[in-house]
Protein backbone atom coordinates (compact mmCIF):
# COMPACT_ATOMS: atom_id res chain seq x y z
CA MET A 1 92.14 50.93 92.31
CA ILE A 2 93.97 53.33 89.98
CA HIS A 3 90.83 55.44 89.57
CA ALA A 4 90.33 55.69 93.34
CA THR A 5 93.98 56.63 93.84
CA MET A 6 93.73 59.17 91.03
CA ARG A 7 90.55 60.67 92.52
CA LYS A 8 92.24 60.97 95.91
CA ALA A 9 95.28 62.66 94.35
CA LEU A 10 93.10 65.09 92.39
CA PHE A 11 91.02 65.86 95.46
CA ALA A 12 94.19 66.46 97.51
CA ALA A 13 95.50 68.75 94.76
CA PHE A 14 92.21 70.64 94.73
CA LEU A 15 92.34 71.09 98.50
CA ALA A 16 95.87 72.44 98.21
CA VAL A 17 94.94 74.91 95.45
CA ALA A 18 91.46 75.96 96.62
CA PRO A 19 92.64 78.25 99.46
CA ALA A 20 95.03 80.02 97.11
CA CYS A 21 92.22 80.52 94.57
CA ALA A 22 89.89 81.84 97.28
CA GLN A 23 92.66 84.10 98.58
CA ALA A 24 93.30 85.47 95.09
CA GLN A 25 89.59 86.06 94.57
CA ASN A 26 89.30 87.90 97.89
CA PHE A 27 92.30 90.05 97.01
CA LEU A 28 90.81 90.90 93.62
CA SER A 29 87.45 91.66 95.22
CA GLY A 30 89.25 94.04 97.57
CA LEU A 31 91.09 95.65 94.66
CA LYS A 32 87.85 96.16 92.74
CA ALA A 33 86.22 97.68 95.83
CA PHE A 34 89.23 99.96 96.36
CA GLU A 35 89.14 101.14 92.75
CA GLN A 36 85.44 101.96 93.22
CA ARG A 37 86.31 103.84 96.43
CA ASP A 38 84.40 101.31 98.50
CA TYR A 39 87.09 101.38 101.15
CA PRO A 40 85.20 99.49 103.88
CA THR A 41 84.78 96.51 101.53
CA ALA A 42 88.43 96.68 100.43
CA LEU A 43 89.50 96.73 104.07
CA ALA A 44 87.19 93.82 104.91
CA ASN A 45 88.65 91.75 102.05
CA TRP A 46 92.30 92.59 102.63
CA TRP A 47 92.55 92.60 106.42
CA PRO A 48 92.18 88.83 107.01
CA LEU A 49 94.45 88.06 104.07
CA ALA A 50 97.10 90.46 105.38
CA VAL A 51 96.92 88.97 108.87
CA ASP A 52 97.42 85.54 107.26
CA GLY A 53 100.59 86.80 105.53
CA ASP A 54 99.42 87.71 102.01
CA ALA A 55 102.03 90.27 100.92
CA ARG A 56 99.80 91.94 98.29
CA SER A 57 97.11 92.53 100.91
CA GLN A 58 99.70 93.77 103.40
CA ALA A 59 100.99 96.27 100.82
CA SER A 60 97.43 97.33 100.03
CA LEU A 61 96.67 98.00 103.69
CA GLY A 62 99.97 99.85 103.93
CA PHE A 63 98.86 102.08 101.06
CA MET A 64 95.45 102.70 102.65
CA TYR A 65 97.15 103.92 105.84
CA TYR A 66 99.82 105.82 103.86
CA SER A 67 97.25 107.74 101.84
CA GLY A 68 94.37 107.86 104.32
CA ALA A 69 92.06 106.10 101.84
CA GLY A 70 89.12 104.87 103.91
CA VAL A 71 91.13 104.88 107.15
CA PRO A 72 92.82 107.65 109.11
CA ARG A 73 96.28 108.38 107.70
CA ASP A 74 98.64 106.54 110.05
CA ASP A 75 102.35 106.30 109.28
CA ALA A 76 102.98 103.72 112.03
CA GLN A 77 100.33 101.37 110.61
CA SER A 78 101.54 102.04 107.08
CA LEU A 79 105.12 101.23 108.00
CA ASP A 80 104.10 98.06 109.84
CA TRP A 81 102.22 96.66 106.84
CA PHE A 82 104.80 97.81 104.31
CA ARG A 83 107.65 96.23 106.31
CA LYS A 84 105.85 92.88 106.44
CA ALA A 85 105.10 92.92 102.72
CA ALA A 86 108.57 94.20 101.78
CA ALA A 87 110.23 91.43 103.76
CA ALA A 88 108.15 88.96 101.72
CA GLY A 89 109.50 90.50 98.49
CA GLN A 90 106.51 92.68 97.54
CA PRO A 91 107.97 95.47 95.34
CA THR A 92 105.21 98.04 95.84
CA ALA A 93 105.75 97.83 99.60
CA GLN A 94 109.51 98.13 99.09
CA PHE A 95 108.96 101.30 97.06
CA PHE A 96 106.68 102.84 99.67
CA LEU A 97 109.15 102.02 102.43
CA GLY A 98 111.66 103.95 100.37
CA LEU A 99 109.25 106.88 100.23
CA HIS A 100 108.73 106.76 103.99
CA TYR A 101 112.49 107.12 104.47
CA LEU A 102 112.89 109.67 101.67
CA PHE A 103 110.33 112.02 103.19
CA GLY A 104 110.76 111.08 106.84
CA ARG A 105 107.17 109.89 107.27
CA GLY A 106 106.96 108.05 110.58
CA VAL A 107 110.74 107.45 110.54
CA THR A 108 113.82 109.59 110.66
CA LYS A 109 114.57 110.83 107.16
CA ASP A 110 117.37 108.61 105.81
CA ALA A 111 118.60 108.84 102.22
CA ALA A 112 120.57 105.58 102.47
CA PHE A 113 117.52 103.58 103.60
CA ALA A 114 115.38 105.29 100.95
CA HIS A 115 117.92 104.50 98.24
CA ALA A 116 118.27 100.88 99.37
CA TRP A 117 114.52 100.17 99.47
CA CYS A 118 113.85 101.88 96.14
CA ASP A 119 116.77 100.03 94.56
CA ILE A 120 115.39 96.72 95.89
CA ALA A 121 111.94 97.60 94.52
CA MET A 122 113.48 98.32 91.11
CA SER A 123 115.34 95.00 91.22
CA ASN A 124 111.96 93.36 91.79
CA GLY A 125 110.44 95.00 88.72
CA TYR A 126 108.93 98.17 90.17
CA GLU A 127 110.23 100.67 87.61
CA ASP A 128 108.47 103.66 89.20
CA ALA A 129 110.98 103.41 92.05
CA LEU A 130 113.62 105.04 89.84
CA TYR A 131 112.53 108.56 90.87
CA CYS A 132 112.74 107.66 94.55
CA ARG A 133 116.16 106.03 94.15
CA GLU A 134 117.57 108.95 92.18
CA GLU A 135 116.14 111.54 94.57
CA ALA A 136 117.59 109.64 97.52
CA ALA A 137 120.96 109.46 95.73
CA SER A 138 120.94 113.23 95.29
CA GLN A 139 120.44 113.65 99.06
CA MET A 140 123.14 111.22 100.14
CA LYS A 141 126.06 112.36 102.23
CA LEU A 142 129.51 110.87 102.57
CA GLY A 143 129.23 107.21 103.53
CA ASP A 144 125.56 106.88 102.60
CA ARG A 145 126.26 104.99 99.36
CA ALA A 146 128.23 102.32 101.19
CA ARG A 147 125.52 102.11 103.85
CA SER A 148 122.82 101.78 101.16
CA ALA A 149 124.77 99.01 99.44
CA ALA A 150 125.21 97.20 102.77
CA LEU A 151 121.47 97.47 103.51
CA SER A 152 120.61 96.10 100.06
CA ALA A 153 123.13 93.27 100.43
CA GLU A 154 121.68 92.35 103.82
CA PHE A 155 118.17 92.17 102.32
CA TYR A 156 119.34 90.05 99.38
CA ARG A 157 121.20 87.71 101.69
CA LYS A 158 117.94 87.04 103.57
CA GLN A 159 115.51 87.13 100.62
CA SER A 160 115.51 86.19 97.01
CA VAL A 161 114.76 88.71 94.28
CA ARG A 162 111.34 88.23 92.76
CA PRO A 163 111.51 87.07 89.14
């Protein structure tokens, strides 16, 4: 009886973990393909994961559309994927959202939004966002610092900072 219960528990645990393992493997397969410039394979691996809510895959698609790697450069698509991933706490996406606002790519140029997103990315461990945050700070006008702080506070109220 104990062995049967134990087997059922282990099987249930396996079923719970197996999709995550498969998802991780598909993401890594996409990353390997991307690094080898096999963009169609990267896209094929990441697209279904991104649609299912995988933030790393969403950020990866955002980068493909941001840079035009294997797909036509498309700021609207890039922003859409980066926003989804950033809302889930993905720091790379948060950084690239900051860049979109810093340079006005697909959005109105906004130093406060750029500063807020790059600051959030840094809080989540993305150290390369320092340049973006500092550049945005140098472009801020009166009132932008308070607006940036309010935007960051709103994000933190809705989401937790990634450890």
